[in-house]
PDB file of N, CA and C in Angstrom:
ATOM      1  N   MET A   1      79.015 -31.294 -36.268  1.00  0.00           N
ATOM      2  CA  MET A   1      78.029 -32.108 -36.947  1.00  0.00           C
ATOM      3  C   MET A   1      77.054 -32.705 -35.930  1.00  0.00           C
ATOM      4  N   TYR A   2      77.607 -33.069 -34.781  1.00  0.00           N
ATOM      5  CA  TYR A   2      76.776 -33.652 -33.734  1.00  0.00           C
ATOM      6  C   TYR A   2      75.739 -32.643 -33.232  1.00  0.00           C
ATOM      7  N   LYS A   3      76.133 -31.369 -33.086  1.00  0.00           N
ATOM      8  CA  LYS A   3      75.216 -30.327 -32.612  1.00  0.00           C
ATOM      9  C   LYS A   3      74.088 -30.088 -33.617  1.00  0.00           C
ATOM     10  N   LEU A   4      74.409 -30.108 -34.903  1.00  0.00           N
ATOM     11  CA  LEU A   4      73.386 -29.888 -35.934  1.00  0.00           C
ATOM     12  C   LEU A   4      72.334 -30.993 -35.881  1.00  0.00           C
ATOM     13  N   ASN A   5      72.763 -32.259 -35.749  1.00  0.00           N
ATOM     14  CA  ASN A   5      71.820 -33.367 -35.629  1.00  0.00           C
ATOM     15  C   ASN A   5      70.985 -33.245 -34.360  1.00  0.00           C
ATOM     16  N   TYR A   6      71.614 -32.789 -33.293  1.00  0.00           N
ATOM     17  CA  TYR A   6      70.903 -32.600 -32.027  1.00  0.00           C
ATOM     18  C   TYR A   6      69.819 -31.526 -32.167  1.00  0.00           C
ATOM     19  N   TYR A   7      70.155 -30.404 -32.816  1.00  0.00           N
ATOM     20  CA  TYR A   7      69.174 -29.330 -33.010  1.00  0.00           C
ATOM     21  C   TYR A   7      68.024 -29.777 -33.907  1.00  0.00           C
ATOM     22  N   ILE A   8      68.331 -30.473 -34.953  1.00  0.00           N
ATOM     23  CA  ILE A   8      67.287 -30.959 -35.869  1.00  0.00           C
ATOM     24  C   ILE A   8      66.372 -31.948 -35.150  1.00  0.00           C
ATOM     25  N   LEU A   9      66.956 -32.867 -34.406  1.00  0.00           N
ATOM     26  CA  LEU A   9      66.158 -33.838 -33.667  1.00  0.00           C
ATOM     27  C   LEU A   9      65.298 -33.160 -32.600  1.00  0.00           C
ATOM     28  N   THR A  10      65.852 -32.156 -31.917  1.00  0.00           N
ATOM     29  CA  THR A  10      65.087 -31.409 -30.911  1.00  0.00           C
ATOM     30  C   THR A  10      63.931 -30.660 -31.556  1.00  0.00           C
ATOM     31  N   MET A  11      64.165 -30.022 -32.679  1.00  0.00           N
ATOM     32  CA  MET A  11      63.103 -29.285 -33.381  1.00  0.00           C
ATOM     33  C   MET A  11      62.005 -30.241 -33.848  1.00  0.00           C
ATOM     34  N   LEU A  12      62.358 -31.387 -34.370  1.00  0.00           N
ATOM     35  CA  LEU A  12      61.357 -32.359 -34.809  1.00  0.00           C
ATOM     36  C   LEU A  12      60.538 -32.870 -33.631  1.00  0.00           C
ATOM     37  N   LEU A  13      61.200 -33.099 -32.495  1.00  0.00           N
ATOM     38  CA  LEU A  13      60.493 -33.555 -31.301  1.00  0.00           C
ATOM     39  C   LEU A  13      59.526 -32.484 -30.795  1.00  0.00           C
ATOM     40  N   LEU A  14      59.962 -31.224 -30.760  1.00  0.00           N
ATOM     41  CA  LEU A  14      59.079 -30.128 -30.344  1.00  0.00           C
ATOM     42  C   LEU A  14      57.907 -29.944 -31.309  1.00  0.00           C
ATOM     43  N   LEU A  15      58.174 -30.079 -32.585  1.00  0.00           N
ATOM     44  CA  LEU A  15      57.110 -29.970 -33.589  1.00  0.00           C
ATOM     45  C   LEU A  15      56.100 -31.099 -33.423  1.00  0.00           C
ATOM     46  N   LEU A  16      56.571 -32.285 -33.149  1.00  0.00           N
ATOM     47  CA  LEU A  16      55.693 -33.428 -32.934  1.00  0.00           C
ATOM     48  C   LEU A  16      54.834 -33.223 -31.686  1.00  0.00           C
ATOM     49  N   LEU A  17      55.420 -32.732 -30.613  1.00  0.00           N
ATOM     50  CA  LEU A  17      54.670 -32.506 -29.378  1.00  0.00           C
ATOM     51  C   LEU A  17      53.661 -31.363 -29.538  1.00  0.00           C
ATOM     52  N   ALA A  18      54.015 -30.321 -30.278  1.00  0.00           N
ATOM     53  CA  ALA A  18      53.099 -29.191 -30.481  1.00  0.00           C
ATOM     54  C   ALA A  18      51.937 -29.590 -31.390  1.00  0.00           C
ATOM     55  N   GLY A  19      52.150 -30.522 -32.285  1.00  0.00           N
ATOM     56  CA  GLY A  19      51.102 -30.936 -33.205  1.00  0.00           C
ATOM     57  C   GLY A  19      50.101 -31.905 -32.601  1.00  0.00           C
ATOM     58  N   CYS A  20      50.376 -32.420 -31.421  1.00  0.00           N
ATOM     59  CA  CYS A  20      49.498 -33.412 -30.808  1.00  0.00           C
ATOM     60  C   CYS A  20      48.645 -32.832 -29.682  1.00  0.00           C
ATOM     61  N   LYS A  21      48.365 -31.549 -29.712  1.00  0.00           N
ATOM     62  CA  LYS A  21      47.549 -30.963 -28.653  1.00  0.00           C
ATOM     63  C   LYS A  21      46.069 -31.273 -28.893  1.00  0.00           C
ATOM     64  N   LYS A  22      45.281 -31.160 -27.850  1.00  0.00           N
ATOM     65  CA  LYS A  22      43.846 -31.427 -27.941  1.00  0.00           C
ATOM     66  C   LYS A  22      43.162 -30.338 -28.747  1.00  0.00           C
ATOM     67  N   GLU A  23      42.211 -30.736 -29.570  1.00  0.00           N
ATOM     68  CA  GLU A  23      41.437 -29.790 -30.357  1.00  0.00           C
ATOM     69  C   GLU A  23      39.976 -29.929 -30.000  1.00  0.00           C
ATOM     70  N   ALA A  24      39.235 -28.868 -30.201  1.00  0.00           N
ATOM     71  CA  ALA A  24      37.795 -28.905 -29.949  1.00  0.00           C
ATOM     72  C   ALA A  24      37.119 -29.797 -30.987  1.00  0.00           C
ATOM     73  N   ALA A  25      36.004 -30.386 -30.585  1.00  0.00           N
ATOM     74  CA  ALA A  25      35.251 -31.232 -31.516  1.00  0.00           C
ATOM     75  C   ALA A  25      34.722 -30.383 -32.671  1.00  0.00           C
ATOM     76  N   LEU A  26      34.645 -30.978 -33.827  1.00  0.00           N
ATOM     77  CA  LEU A  26      34.149 -30.267 -35.002  1.00  0.00           C
ATOM     78  C   LEU A  26      32.660 -29.975 -34.861  1.00  0.00           C
ATOM     79  N   GLN A  27      32.286 -28.779 -35.266  1.00  0.00           N
ATOM     80  CA  GLN A  27      30.891 -28.360 -35.251  1.00  0.00           C
ATOM     81  C   GLN A  27      30.480 -28.017 -36.676  1.00  0.00           C
ATOM     82  N   PRO A  28      29.284 -28.407 -37.088  1.00  0.00           N
ATOM     83  CA  PRO A  28      28.851 -28.049 -38.441  1.00  0.00           C
ATOM     84  C   PRO A  28      28.629 -26.541 -38.533  1.00  0.00           C
ATOM     85  N   GLY A  29      28.978 -25.983 -39.644  1.00  0.00           N
ATOM     86  CA  GLY A  29      28.791 -24.557 -39.857  1.00  0.00           C
ATOM     87  C   GLY A  29      28.122 -24.312 -41.194  1.00  0.00           C
ATOM     88  N   ASN A  30      27.507 -23.157 -41.320  1.00  0.00           N
ATOM     89  CA  ASN A  30      26.837 -22.774 -42.567  1.00  0.00           C
ATOM     90  C   ASN A  30      25.827 -23.819 -43.006  1.00  0.00           C
ATOM     91  N   GLN A  31      24.943 -24.170 -42.123  1.00  0.00           N
ATOM     92  CA  GLN A  31      23.939 -25.156 -42.480  1.00  0.00           C
ATOM     93  C   GLN A  31      22.990 -24.554 -43.520  1.00  0.00           C
ATOM     94  N   ASP A  32      22.636 -25.366 -44.488  1.00  0.00           N
ATOM     95  CA  ASP A  32      21.742 -24.892 -45.534  1.00  0.00           C
ATOM     96  C   ASP A  32      20.343 -24.707 -44.992  1.00  0.00           C
ATOM     97  N   GLU A  33      19.694 -23.696 -45.493  1.00  0.00           N
ATOM     98  CA  GLU A  33      18.312 -23.433 -45.115  1.00  0.00           C
ATOM     99  C   GLU A  33      17.409 -24.009 -46.205  1.00  0.00           C
ATOM    100  N   ASN A  34      16.278 -24.553 -45.808  1.00  0.00           N
ATOM    101  CA  ASN A  34      15.313 -25.078 -46.769  1.00  0.00           C
ATOM    102  C   ASN A  34      14.485 -23.909 -47.279  1.00  0.00           C
ATOM    103  N   TYR A  35      14.772 -23.456 -48.487  1.00  0.00           N
ATOM    104  CA  TYR A  35      14.089 -22.297 -49.050  1.00  0.00           C
ATOM    105  C   TYR A  35      12.725 -22.650 -49.634  1.00  0.00           C
ATOM    106  N   LEU A  36      12.383 -23.927 -49.677  1.00  0.00           N
ATOM    107  CA  LEU A  36      11.102 -24.328 -50.241  1.00  0.00           C
ATOM    108  C   LEU A  36       9.999 -24.392 -49.193  1.00  0.00           C
ATOM    109  N   VAL A  37      10.284 -23.966 -47.970  1.00  0.00           N
ATOM    110  CA  VAL A  37       9.266 -23.914 -46.930  1.00  0.00           C
ATOM    111  C   VAL A  37       8.530 -22.590 -47.070  1.00  0.00           C
ATOM    112  N   VAL A  38       7.208 -22.657 -47.151  1.00  0.00           N
ATOM    113  CA  VAL A  38       6.388 -21.454 -47.289  1.00  0.00           C
ATOM    114  C   VAL A  38       6.043 -20.942 -45.899  1.00  0.00           C
ATOM    115  N   LYS A  39       6.307 -19.648 -45.679  1.00  0.00           N
ATOM    116  CA  LYS A  39       5.998 -19.035 -44.386  1.00  0.00           C
ATOM    117  C   LYS A  39       4.705 -18.235 -44.491  1.00  0.00           C
ATOM    118  N   ASP A  40       3.990 -18.168 -43.366  1.00  0.00           N
ATOM    119  CA  ASP A  40       2.694 -17.498 -43.337  1.00  0.00           C
ATOM    120  C   ASP A  40       2.863 -15.984 -43.251  1.00  0.00           C
ATOM    121  N   ASN A  41       2.025 -15.267 -43.998  1.00  0.00           N
ATOM    122  CA  ASN A  41       1.940 -13.811 -43.935  1.00  0.00           C
ATOM    123  C   ASN A  41       0.458 -13.463 -43.826  1.00  0.00           C
ATOM    124  N   PRO A  42      -0.101 -13.386 -42.600  1.00  0.00           N
ATOM    125  CA  PRO A  42      -1.542 -13.184 -42.451  1.00  0.00           C
ATOM    126  C   PRO A  42      -2.038 -11.839 -42.948  1.00  0.00           C
ATOM    127  N   SER A  43      -1.156 -10.853 -43.119  1.00  0.00           N
ATOM    128  CA  SER A  43      -1.613  -9.541 -43.592  1.00  0.00           C
ATOM    129  C   SER A  43      -1.871  -9.523 -45.099  1.00  0.00           C
ATOM    130  N   ASP A  44      -1.323 -10.477 -45.848  1.00  0.00           N
ATOM    131  CA  ASP A  44      -1.542 -10.553 -47.296  1.00  0.00           C
ATOM    132  C   ASP A  44      -2.422 -11.763 -47.587  1.00  0.00           C
ATOM    133  N   PRO A  45      -3.621 -11.562 -48.164  1.00  0.00           N
ATOM    134  CA  PRO A  45      -4.522 -12.698 -48.398  1.00  0.00           C
ATOM    135  C   PRO A  45      -3.971 -13.731 -49.384  1.00  0.00           C
ATOM    136  N   VAL A  46      -3.200 -13.293 -50.375  1.00  0.00           N
ATOM    137  CA  VAL A  46      -2.633 -14.234 -51.350  1.00  0.00           C
ATOM    138  C   VAL A  46      -1.578 -15.107 -50.667  1.00  0.00           C
ATOM    139  N   ASP A  47      -0.670 -14.482 -49.916  1.00  0.00           N
ATOM    140  CA  ASP A  47       0.355 -15.254 -49.214  1.00  0.00           C
ATOM    141  C   ASP A  47      -0.259 -16.190 -48.180  1.00  0.00           C
ATOM    142  N   HIS A  48      -1.308 -15.757 -47.531  1.00  0.00           N
ATOM    143  CA  HIS A  48      -1.964 -16.606 -46.536  1.00  0.00           C
ATOM    144  C   HIS A  48      -2.638 -17.810 -47.213  1.00  0.00           C
ATOM    145  N   ALA A  49      -3.263 -17.582 -48.379  1.00  0.00           N
ATOM    146  CA  ALA A  49      -3.876 -18.688 -49.122  1.00  0.00           C
ATOM    147  C   ALA A  49      -2.809 -19.677 -49.604  1.00  0.00           C
ATOM    148  N   ILE A  50      -1.662 -19.156 -50.043  1.00  0.00           N
ATOM    149  CA  ILE A  50      -0.561 -20.025 -50.466  1.00  0.00           C
ATOM    150  C   ILE A  50      -0.064 -20.840 -49.280  1.00  0.00           C
ATOM    151  N   TYR A  51       0.032 -20.223 -48.106  1.00  0.00           N
ATOM    152  CA  TYR A  51       0.470 -20.936 -46.906  1.00  0.00           C
ATOM    153  C   TYR A  51      -0.530 -22.031 -46.525  1.00  0.00           C
ATOM    154  N   GLN A  52      -1.823 -21.729 -46.612  1.00  0.00           N
ATOM    155  CA  GLN A  52      -2.844 -22.740 -46.290  1.00  0.00           C
ATOM    156  C   GLN A  52      -2.761 -23.910 -47.270  1.00  0.00           C
ATOM    157  N   PHE A  53      -2.536 -23.617 -48.551  1.00  0.00           N
ATOM    158  CA  PHE A  53      -2.374 -24.671 -49.554  1.00  0.00           C
ATOM    159  C   PHE A  53      -1.136 -25.515 -49.231  1.00  0.00           C
ATOM    160  N   TYR A  54      -0.045 -24.856 -48.839  1.00  0.00           N
ATOM    161  CA  TYR A  54       1.185 -25.563 -48.480  1.00  0.00           C
ATOM    162  C   TYR A  54       0.955 -26.460 -47.264  1.00  0.00           C
ATOM    163  N   GLN A  55       0.226 -25.963 -46.269  1.00  0.00           N
ATOM    164  CA  GLN A  55      -0.052 -26.764 -45.078  1.00  0.00           C
ATOM    165  C   GLN A  55      -0.912 -27.982 -45.424  1.00  0.00           C
ATOM    166  N   ALA A  56      -1.854 -27.818 -46.330  1.00  0.00           N
ATOM    167  CA  ALA A  56      -2.767 -28.907 -46.683  1.00  0.00           C
ATOM    168  C   ALA A  56      -2.099 -29.961 -47.569  1.00  0.00           C
ATOM    169  N   THR A  57      -1.228 -29.522 -48.486  1.00  0.00           N
ATOM    170  CA  THR A  57      -0.684 -30.456 -49.477  1.00  0.00           C
ATOM    171  C   THR A  57       0.812 -30.725 -49.317  1.00  0.00           C
ATOM    172  N   GLY A  58       1.552 -29.792 -48.718  1.00  0.00           N
ATOM    173  CA  GLY A  58       2.998 -29.926 -48.632  1.00  0.00           C
ATOM    174  C   GLY A  58       3.711 -29.469 -49.889  1.00  0.00           C
ATOM    175  N   LEU A  59       2.976 -28.887 -50.837  1.00  0.00           N
ATOM    176  CA  LEU A  59       3.562 -28.415 -52.087  1.00  0.00           C
ATOM    177  C   LEU A  59       3.757 -26.898 -52.025  1.00  0.00           C
ATOM    178  N   PRO A  60       4.972 -26.401 -52.186  1.00  0.00           N
ATOM    179  CA  PRO A  60       5.176 -24.956 -52.167  1.00  0.00           C
ATOM    180  C   PRO A  60       4.743 -24.328 -53.489  1.00  0.00           C
ATOM    181  N   VAL A  61       4.154 -23.163 -53.400  1.00  0.00           N
ATOM    182  CA  VAL A  61       3.735 -22.405 -54.578  1.00  0.00           C
ATOM    183  C   VAL A  61       4.424 -21.044 -54.495  1.00  0.00           C
ATOM    184  N   PHE A  62       5.030 -20.629 -55.603  1.00  0.00           N
ATOM    185  CA  PHE A  62       5.713 -19.339 -55.660  1.00  0.00           C
ATOM    186  C   PHE A  62       5.190 -18.558 -56.855  1.00  0.00           C
ATOM    187  N   TYR A  63       5.047 -17.252 -56.699  1.00  0.00           N
ATOM    188  CA  TYR A  63       4.611 -16.413 -57.809  1.00  0.00           C
ATOM    189  C   TYR A  63       5.761 -15.566 -58.328  1.00  0.00           C
ATOM    190  N   ASN A  64       6.972 -15.880 -57.912  1.00  0.00           N
ATOM    191  CA  ASN A  64       8.165 -15.194 -58.373  1.00  0.00           C
ATOM    192  C   ASN A  64       9.302 -16.221 -58.351  1.00  0.00           C
ATOM    193  N   ASP A  65      10.249 -16.099 -59.270  1.00  0.00           N
ATOM    194  CA  ASP A  65      11.348 -17.066 -59.282  1.00  0.00           C
ATOM    195  C   ASP A  65      12.387 -16.780 -58.207  1.00  0.00           C
ATOM    196  N   THR A  66      12.391 -15.590 -57.627  1.00  0.00           N
ATOM    197  CA  THR A  66      13.312 -15.253 -56.536  1.00  0.00           C
ATOM    198  C   THR A  66      12.642 -15.617 -55.222  1.00  0.00           C
ATOM    199  N   ILE A  67      13.200 -16.622 -54.522  1.00  0.00           N
ATOM    200  CA  ILE A  67      12.538 -17.106 -53.312  1.00  0.00           C
ATOM    201  C   ILE A  67      13.237 -16.669 -52.034  1.00  0.00           C
ATOM    202  N   ALA A  68      14.463 -16.090 -52.141  1.00  0.00           N
ATOM    203  CA  ALA A  68      15.154 -15.612 -50.933  1.00  0.00           C
ATOM    204  C   ALA A  68      16.148 -14.520 -51.318  1.00  0.00           C
ATOM    205  N   ARG A  69      16.341 -13.590 -50.399  1.00  0.00           N
ATOM    206  CA  ARG A  69      17.333 -12.519 -50.551  1.00  0.00           C
ATOM    207  C   ARG A  69      18.184 -12.528 -49.292  1.00  0.00           C
ATOM    208  N   LEU A  70      19.485 -12.783 -49.453  1.00  0.00           N
ATOM    209  CA  LEU A  70      20.389 -12.916 -48.323  1.00  0.00           C
ATOM    210  C   LEU A  70      21.403 -11.776 -48.320  1.00  0.00           C
ATOM    211  N   PRO A  71      21.577 -11.105 -47.180  1.00  0.00           N
ATOM    212  CA  PRO A  71      22.604 -10.054 -47.120  1.00  0.00           C
ATOM    213  C   PRO A  71      23.996 -10.676 -47.134  1.00  0.00           C
ATOM    214  N   VAL A  72      24.882 -10.124 -47.947  1.00  0.00           N
ATOM    215  CA  VAL A  72      26.239 -10.653 -48.043  1.00  0.00           C
ATOM    216  C   VAL A  72      27.287  -9.643 -47.625  1.00  0.00           C
ATOM    217  N   GLY A  73      26.897  -8.399 -47.398  1.00  0.00           N
ATOM    218  CA  GLY A  73      27.892  -7.423 -46.974  1.00  0.00           C
ATOM    219  C   GLY A  73      27.384  -6.007 -47.145  1.00  0.00           C
ATOM    220  N   ASN A  74      28.338  -5.091 -47.028  1.00  0.00           N
ATOM    221  CA  ASN A  74      28.025  -3.680 -47.089  1.00  0.00           C
ATOM    222  C   ASN A  74      29.137  -3.003 -47.875  1.00  0.00           C
ATOM    223  N   SER A  75      28.770  -2.220 -48.859  1.00  0.00           N
ATOM    224  CA  SER A  75      29.750  -1.525 -49.676  1.00  0.00           C
ATOM    225  C   SER A  75      29.468  -0.036 -49.629  1.00  0.00           C
ATOM    226  N   ALA A  76      30.287   0.696 -48.902  1.00  0.00           N
ATOM    227  CA  ALA A  76      30.174   2.153 -48.776  1.00  0.00           C
ATOM    228  C   ALA A  76      28.793   2.560 -48.278  1.00  0.00           C
ATOM    229  N   GLY A  77      28.272   1.830 -47.316  1.00  0.00           N
ATOM    230  CA  GLY A  77      26.976   2.173 -46.738  1.00  0.00           C
ATOM    231  C   GLY A  77      25.784   1.616 -47.494  1.00  0.00           C
ATOM    232  N   VAL A  78      26.032   0.903 -48.577  1.00  0.00           N
ATOM    233  CA  VAL A  78      24.954   0.313 -49.368  1.00  0.00           C
ATOM    234  C   VAL A  78      24.962  -1.192 -49.139  1.00  0.00           C
ATOM    235  N   ALA A  79      23.827  -1.720 -48.695  1.00  0.00           N
ATOM    236  CA  ALA A  79      23.740  -3.158 -48.434  1.00  0.00           C
ATOM    237  C   ALA A  79      23.854  -3.938 -49.738  1.00  0.00           C
ATOM    238  N   ARG A  80      24.564  -5.079 -49.682  1.00  0.00           N
ATOM    239  CA  ARG A  80      24.728  -5.960 -50.842  1.00  0.00           C
ATOM    240  C   ARG A  80      24.002  -7.260 -50.548  1.00  0.00           C
ATOM    241  N   TYR A  81      23.322  -7.808 -51.552  1.00  0.00           N
ATOM    242  CA  TYR A  81      22.519  -9.010 -51.378  1.00  0.00           C
ATOM    243  C   TYR A  81      22.858 -10.031 -52.448  1.00  0.00           C
ATOM    244  N   THR A  82      22.590 -11.294 -52.118  1.00  0.00           N
ATOM    245  CA  THR A  82      22.596 -12.359 -53.114  1.00  0.00           C
ATOM    246  C   THR A  82      21.192 -12.942 -53.128  1.00  0.00           C
ATOM    247  N   TYR A  83      20.770 -13.419 -54.277  1.00  0.00           N
ATOM    248  CA  TYR A  83      19.402 -13.892 -54.451  1.00  0.00           C
ATOM    249  C   TYR A  83      19.375 -15.376 -54.741  1.00  0.00           C
ATOM    250  N   ILE A  84      18.458 -16.070 -54.099  1.00  0.00           N
ATOM    251  CA  ILE A  84      18.235 -17.493 -54.354  1.00  0.00           C
ATOM    252  C   ILE A  84      17.040 -17.581 -55.295  1.00  0.00           C
ATOM    253  N   ARG A  85      17.267 -18.189 -56.439  1.00  0.00           N
ATOM    254  CA  ARG A  85      16.207 -18.273 -57.454  1.00  0.00           C
ATOM    255  C   ARG A  85      15.909 -19.728 -57.794  1.00  0.00           C
ATOM    256  N   LEU A  86      14.667 -19.969 -58.166  1.00  0.00           N
ATOM    257  CA  LEU A  86      14.259 -21.292 -58.626  1.00  0.00           C
ATOM    258  C   LEU A  86      14.828 -21.544 -60.013  1.00  0.00           C
ATOM    259  N   ALA A  87      15.211 -22.771 -60.279  1.00  0.00           N
ATOM    260  CA  ALA A  87      15.670 -23.149 -61.613  1.00  0.00           C
ATOM    261  C   ALA A  87      14.446 -23.542 -62.424  1.00  0.00           C
ATOM    262  N   THR A  88      13.861 -22.589 -63.113  1.00  0.00           N
ATOM    263  CA  THR A  88      12.611 -22.850 -63.830  1.00  0.00           C
ATOM    264  C   THR A  88      12.821 -23.602 -65.136  1.00  0.00           C
ATOM    265  N   ALA A  89      14.050 -23.637 -65.648  1.00  0.00           N
ATOM    266  CA  ALA A  89      14.320 -24.342 -66.896  1.00  0.00           C
ATOM    267  C   ALA A  89      15.295 -25.484 -66.649  1.00  0.00           C
ATOM    268  N   TYR A  90      15.091 -26.244 -65.602  1.00  0.00           N
ATOM    269  CA  TYR A  90      16.006 -27.315 -65.218  1.00  0.00           C
ATOM    270  C   TYR A  90      15.656 -28.614 -65.921  1.00  0.00           C
ATOM    271  N   SER A  91      16.676 -29.336 -66.339  1.00  0.00           N
ATOM    272  CA  SER A  91      16.495 -30.659 -66.918  1.00  0.00           C
ATOM    273  C   SER A  91      17.657 -31.533 -66.469  1.00  0.00           C
ATOM    274  N   PRO A  92      17.386 -32.764 -66.002  1.00  0.00           N
ATOM    275  CA  PRO A  92      18.490 -33.631 -65.579  1.00  0.00           C
ATOM    276  C   PRO A  92      19.473 -33.945 -66.703  1.00  0.00           C
ATOM    277  N   SER A  93      19.014 -33.913 -67.947  1.00  0.00           N
ATOM    278  CA  SER A  93      19.906 -34.219 -69.065  1.00  0.00           C
ATOM    279  C   SER A  93      20.777 -33.034 -69.444  1.00  0.00           C
ATOM    280  N   GLY A  94      20.468 -31.853 -68.920  1.00  0.00           N
ATOM    281  CA  GLY A  94      21.257 -30.676 -69.224  1.00  0.00           C
ATOM    282  C   GLY A  94      20.797 -29.935 -70.472  1.00  0.00           C
ATOM    283  N   THR A  95      19.742 -30.401 -71.105  1.00  0.00           N
ATOM    284  CA  THR A  95      19.250 -29.725 -72.301  1.00  0.00           C
ATOM    285  C   THR A  95      18.379 -28.537 -71.896  1.00  0.00           C
ATOM    286  N   ASP A  96      18.234 -27.608 -72.802  1.00  0.00           N
ATOM    287  CA  ASP A  96      17.423 -26.425 -72.542  1.00  0.00           C
ATOM    288  C   ASP A  96      15.956 -26.771 -72.668  1.00  0.00           C
ATOM    289  N   THR A  97      15.178 -26.471 -71.620  1.00  0.00           N
ATOM    290  CA  THR A  97      13.768 -26.858 -71.602  1.00  0.00           C
ATOM    291  C   THR A  97      12.840 -25.647 -71.693  1.00  0.00           C
ATOM    292  N   LYS A  98      13.362 -24.486 -72.122  1.00  0.00           N
ATOM    293  CA  LYS A  98      12.529 -23.294 -72.195  1.00  0.00           C
ATOM    294  C   LYS A  98      11.494 -23.477 -73.307  1.00  0.00           C
ATOM    295  N   LEU A  99      10.318 -22.931 -73.069  1.00  0.00           N
ATOM    296  CA  LEU A  99       9.253 -22.986 -74.064  1.00  0.00           C
ATOM    297  C   LEU A  99       9.278 -21.695 -74.889  1.00  0.00           C
ATOM    298  N   PHE A 100       9.165 -21.827 -76.169  1.00  0.00           N
ATOM    299  CA  PHE A 100       9.107 -20.668 -77.032  1.00  0.00           C
ATOM    300  C   PHE A 100       7.695 -20.560 -77.570  1.00  0.00           C
ATOM    301  N   LEU A 101       7.095 -19.401 -77.341  1.00  0.00           N
ATOM    302  CA  LEU A 101       5.738 -19.170 -77.805  1.00  0.00           C
ATOM    303  C   LEU A 101       5.761 -18.338 -79.074  1.00  0.00           C
ATOM    304  N   ASN A 102       5.029 -18.777 -80.065  1.00  0.00           N
ATOM    305  CA  ASN A 102       4.921 -17.986 -81.291  1.00  0.00           C
ATOM    306  C   ASN A 102       3.843 -16.949 -81.097  1.00  0.00           C
ATOM    307  N   GLY A 103       4.166 -15.735 -81.407  1.00  0.00           N
ATOM    308  CA  GLY A 103       3.228 -14.748 -81.028  1.00  0.00           C
ATOM    309  C   GLY A 103       2.735 -13.810 -81.968  1.00  0.00           C
TER     310      GLY A 103
END
């Protein structure tokens, strides 16, 4: 019985000593990117005009609801992407704000 208590106490002491080792400082990972920043494209006159408007006012203008395409992997040689889209029908109350046009 004495040996069993000795082994258990030794194991607990070793576990305690192994758990108290120095660790590296935490580093932030996966920082979010600001997708509402408009980047300049001087070869396209529309994109360049949108960039100039953004620089003058600070308001981003988009002509598509998809504002970013991020690679997430590769499946059998075919690239896989996820898309960041604007919430065009957003409401803080959670109600549907879509407009219905009679046509």
